[in-house]
Amino acid sequence: MAGMIDLVFEREAVNLALLHQELAAAFGAKLVGLSGNGRGVRVHLLDSTTPDERTMAGQIVAGHDAGKLTADQQAEHERGAVLDALRKPWAQWSPTDKDALLCLLAGELGLAVS
């Protein structure tokens, strides 16, 4: 049975979802997961990772840009911006506002919107 190791890195700012994607791209099935506590990040890898791979994990964590968003996070941010723009009395809504709401609703229903 394969074991697991934890690599601990001090790092305050981390976008865990993005860092997970970055590490998963580099390690595939060798990445078990990661966790953070606001002061650092713990990378969980299979114990079959080589010393070079462990060094690479450190480089990925060090090079991580916590200010970037995943595609899902960006989509959620954009959805929130559209909803914020719609927070006004109905009489002030333009046809573009109504189309934006319909697009959001269609997306929630899984309908294709172009």
C-alpha atoms as a PDB file:
ATOM      1  CA  MET A   1       0.000   0.000   0.000  1.00  0.00           C
ATOM      2  CA  ALA A   2       1.363   3.408  -0.961  1.00  0.00           C
ATOM      3  CA  GLY A   3       2.118   5.861   1.793  1.00  0.00           C
ATOM      4  CA  MET A   4       1.899   9.603   1.857  1.00  0.00           C
ATOM      5  CA  ILE A   5       4.296  12.401   2.744  1.00  0.00           C
ATOM      6  CA  ASP A   6       3.539  15.981   3.667  1.00  0.00           C
ATOM      7  CA  LEU A   7       5.644  18.870   2.438  1.00  0.00           C
ATOM      8  CA  VAL A   8       5.108  21.986   4.532  1.00  0.00           C
ATOM      9  CA  PHE A   9       5.753  25.475   3.131  1.00  0.00           C
ATOM     10  CA  GLU A  10       5.381  28.797   4.904  1.00  0.00           C
ATOM     11  CA  ARG A  11       3.197  30.993   2.776  1.00  0.00           C
ATOM     12  CA  GLU A  12       0.436  33.379   3.837  1.00  0.00           C
ATOM     13  CA  ALA A  13      -1.358  34.134   0.583  1.00  0.00           C
ATOM     14  CA  VAL A  14      -2.574  31.035  -1.241  1.00  0.00           C
ATOM     15  CA  ASN A  15      -5.440  30.355  -3.611  1.00  0.00           C
ATOM     16  CA  LEU A  16      -5.844  26.686  -2.678  1.00  0.00           C
ATOM     17  CA  ALA A  17      -8.026  25.829  -5.669  1.00  0.00           C
ATOM     18  CA  LEU A  18      -5.552  27.298  -8.146  1.00  0.00           C
ATOM     19  CA  LEU A  19      -2.523  25.829  -6.381  1.00  0.00           C
ATOM     20  CA  HIS A  20      -4.215  22.431  -6.424  1.00  0.00           C
ATOM     21  CA  GLN A  21      -4.685  22.732 -10.192  1.00  0.00           C
ATOM     22  CA  GLU A  22      -1.045  23.746 -10.649  1.00  0.00           C
ATOM     23  CA  LEU A  23       0.234  20.856  -8.550  1.00  0.00           C
ATOM     24  CA  ALA A  24      -2.157  18.373 -10.161  1.00  0.00           C
ATOM     25  CA  ALA A  25      -0.860  19.379 -13.591  1.00  0.00           C
ATOM     26  CA  ALA A  26       2.689  18.633 -12.453  1.00  0.00           C
ATOM     27  CA  PHE A  27       2.135  15.523 -10.323  1.00  0.00           C
ATOM     28  CA  GLY A  28      -1.031  13.873 -11.565  1.00  0.00           C
ATOM     29  CA  ALA A  29      -1.956  10.879  -9.426  1.00  0.00           C
ATOM     30  CA  LYS A  30       1.028  11.464  -7.118  1.00  0.00           C
ATOM     31  CA  LEU A  31      -0.784  14.474  -5.653  1.00  0.00           C
ATOM     32  CA  VAL A  32      -3.021  13.355  -2.813  1.00  0.00           C
ATOM     33  CA  GLY A  33      -4.188  16.864  -1.906  1.00  0.00           C
ATOM     34  CA  LEU A  34      -3.225  20.020  -0.081  1.00  0.00           C
ATOM     35  CA  SER A  35      -4.344  22.072   2.866  1.00  0.00           C
ATOM     36  CA  GLY A  36      -3.629  25.495   4.250  1.00  0.00           C
ATOM     37  CA  ASN A  37      -4.105  27.395   7.473  1.00  0.00           C
ATOM     38  CA  GLY A  38      -3.427  31.021   6.508  1.00  0.00           C
ATOM     39  CA  ARG A  39       0.228  30.789   7.523  1.00  0.00           C
ATOM     40  CA  GLY A  40       1.343  28.011   5.265  1.00  0.00           C
ATOM     41  CA  VAL A  41       0.406  25.222   2.921  1.00  0.00           C
ATOM     42  CA  ARG A  42       0.823  21.482   3.285  1.00  0.00           C
ATOM     43  CA  VAL A  43       1.206  19.455   0.088  1.00  0.00           C
ATOM     44  CA  HIS A  44       0.234  15.786   0.413  1.00  0.00           C
ATOM     45  CA  LEU A  45       2.098  13.553  -2.060  1.00  0.00           C
ATOM     46  CA  LEU A  46       2.577   9.830  -2.445  1.00  0.00           C
ATOM     47  CA  ASP A  47       5.785   8.736  -0.801  1.00  0.00           C
ATOM     48  CA  SER A  48       6.988   7.472  -4.187  1.00  0.00           C
ATOM     49  CA  THR A  49       7.796  11.051  -5.246  1.00  0.00           C
ATOM     50  CA  THR A  50      11.479  11.585  -5.925  1.00  0.00           C
ATOM     51  CA  PRO A  51      13.650  14.238  -4.261  1.00  0.00           C
ATOM     52  CA  ASP A  52      13.591  16.175  -7.550  1.00  0.00           C
ATOM     53  CA  GLU A  53       9.798  16.086  -7.576  1.00  0.00           C
ATOM     54  CA  ARG A  54       9.711  17.306  -3.982  1.00  0.00           C
ATOM     55  CA  THR A  55      11.964  20.192  -4.975  1.00  0.00           C
ATOM     56  CA  MET A  56       9.661  20.910  -7.895  1.00  0.00           C
ATOM     57  CA  ALA A  57       6.676  21.035  -5.513  1.00  0.00           C
ATOM     58  CA  GLY A  58       8.493  23.711  -3.514  1.00  0.00           C
ATOM     59  CA  GLN A  59       9.185  25.678  -6.672  1.00  0.00           C
ATOM     60  CA  ILE A  60       5.529  25.499  -7.699  1.00  0.00           C
ATOM     61  CA  VAL A  61       4.402  26.718  -4.278  1.00  0.00           C
ATOM     62  CA  ALA A  62       6.998  29.521  -4.308  1.00  0.00           C
ATOM     63  CA  GLY A  63       5.973  30.612  -7.806  1.00  0.00           C
ATOM     64  CA  HIS A  64       2.245  30.449  -7.079  1.00  0.00           C
ATOM     65  CA  ASP A  65       0.335  33.689  -7.737  1.00  0.00           C
ATOM     66  CA  ALA A  66      -2.450  33.802  -5.153  1.00  0.00           C
ATOM     67  CA  GLY A  67      -4.027  36.745  -6.949  1.00  0.00           C
ATOM     68  CA  LYS A  68      -4.943  34.686 -10.003  1.00  0.00           C
ATOM     69  CA  LEU A  69      -8.236  32.830 -10.235  1.00  0.00           C
ATOM     70  CA  THR A  70      -9.197  29.435 -11.602  1.00  0.00           C
ATOM     71  CA  ALA A  71     -11.607  29.413 -14.542  1.00  0.00           C
ATOM     72  CA  ASP A  72     -14.437  28.454 -12.168  1.00  0.00           C
ATOM     73  CA  GLN A  73     -13.546  31.238  -9.748  1.00  0.00           C
ATOM     74  CA  GLN A  74     -13.380  33.751 -12.602  1.00  0.00           C
ATOM     75  CA  ALA A  75     -16.804  32.645 -13.861  1.00  0.00           C
ATOM     76  CA  GLU A  76     -18.255  33.014 -10.348  1.00  0.00           C
ATOM     77  CA  HIS A  77     -16.675  36.465 -10.024  1.00  0.00           C
ATOM     78  CA  GLU A  78     -18.212  37.531 -13.345  1.00  0.00           C
ATOM     79  CA  ARG A  79     -21.597  36.115 -12.336  1.00  0.00           C
ATOM     80  CA  GLY A  80     -21.432  38.104  -9.099  1.00  0.00           C
ATOM     81  CA  ALA A  81     -20.596  41.286 -11.016  1.00  0.00           C
ATOM     82  CA  VAL A  82     -23.633  40.785 -13.264  1.00  0.00           C
ATOM     83  CA  LEU A  83     -25.872  40.211 -10.235  1.00  0.00           C
ATOM     84  CA  ASP A  84     -24.481  43.309  -8.515  1.00  0.00           C
ATOM     85  CA  ALA A  85     -25.258  45.391 -11.604  1.00  0.00           C
ATOM     86  CA  LEU A  86     -28.849  44.111 -11.517  1.00  0.00           C
ATOM     87  CA  ARG A  87     -29.440  45.213  -7.930  1.00  0.00           C
ATOM     88  CA  LYS A  88     -31.592  48.227  -8.767  1.00  0.00           C
ATOM     89  CA  PRO A  89     -35.297  48.912  -9.109  1.00  0.00           C
ATOM     90  CA  TRP A  90     -36.984  47.066 -11.974  1.00  0.00           C
ATOM     91  CA  ALA A  91     -38.050  50.360 -13.589  1.00  0.00           C
ATOM     92  CA  GLN A  92     -34.364  51.206 -14.079  1.00  0.00           C
ATOM     93  CA  TRP A  93     -33.578  47.972 -15.896  1.00  0.00           C
ATOM     94  CA  SER A  94     -32.568  48.273 -19.524  1.00  0.00           C
ATOM     95  CA  PRO A  95     -33.166  45.617 -22.185  1.00  0.00           C
ATOM     96  CA  THR A  96     -29.480  44.672 -21.749  1.00  0.00           C
ATOM     97  CA  ASP A  97     -30.069  44.117 -18.000  1.00  0.00           C
ATOM     98  CA  LYS A  98     -33.023  41.855 -18.758  1.00  0.00           C
ATOM     99  CA  ASP A  99     -30.956  39.889 -21.277  1.00  0.00           C
ATOM    100  CA  ALA A 100     -28.187  39.514 -18.682  1.00  0.00           C
ATOM    101  CA  LEU A 101     -30.674  38.065 -16.188  1.00  0.00           C
ATOM    102  CA  LEU A 102     -32.066  35.664 -18.769  1.00  0.00           C
ATOM    103  CA  CYS A 103     -28.534  34.490 -19.610  1.00  0.00           C
ATOM    104  CA  LEU A 104     -27.802  33.862 -15.925  1.00  0.00           C
ATOM    105  CA  LEU A 105     -31.051  31.933 -15.496  1.00  0.00           C
ATOM    106  CA  ALA A 106     -30.415  29.897 -18.642  1.00  0.00           C
ATOM    107  CA  GLY A 107     -26.953  29.017 -17.354  1.00  0.00           C
ATOM    108  CA  GLU A 108     -28.423  27.877 -14.023  1.00  0.00           C
ATOM    109  CA  LEU A 109     -30.818  25.636 -15.938  1.00  0.00           C
ATOM    110  CA  GLY A 110     -28.007  24.182 -18.008  1.00  0.00           C
ATOM    111  CA  LEU A 111     -29.211  25.733 -21.235  1.00  0.00           C
ATOM    112  CA  ALA A 112     -26.652  26.767 -23.818  1.00  0.00           C
ATOM    113  CA  VAL A 113     -26.342  30.528 -24.158  1.00  0.00           C
ATOM    114  CA  SER A 114     -24.355  32.146 -26.923  1.00  0.00           C
END
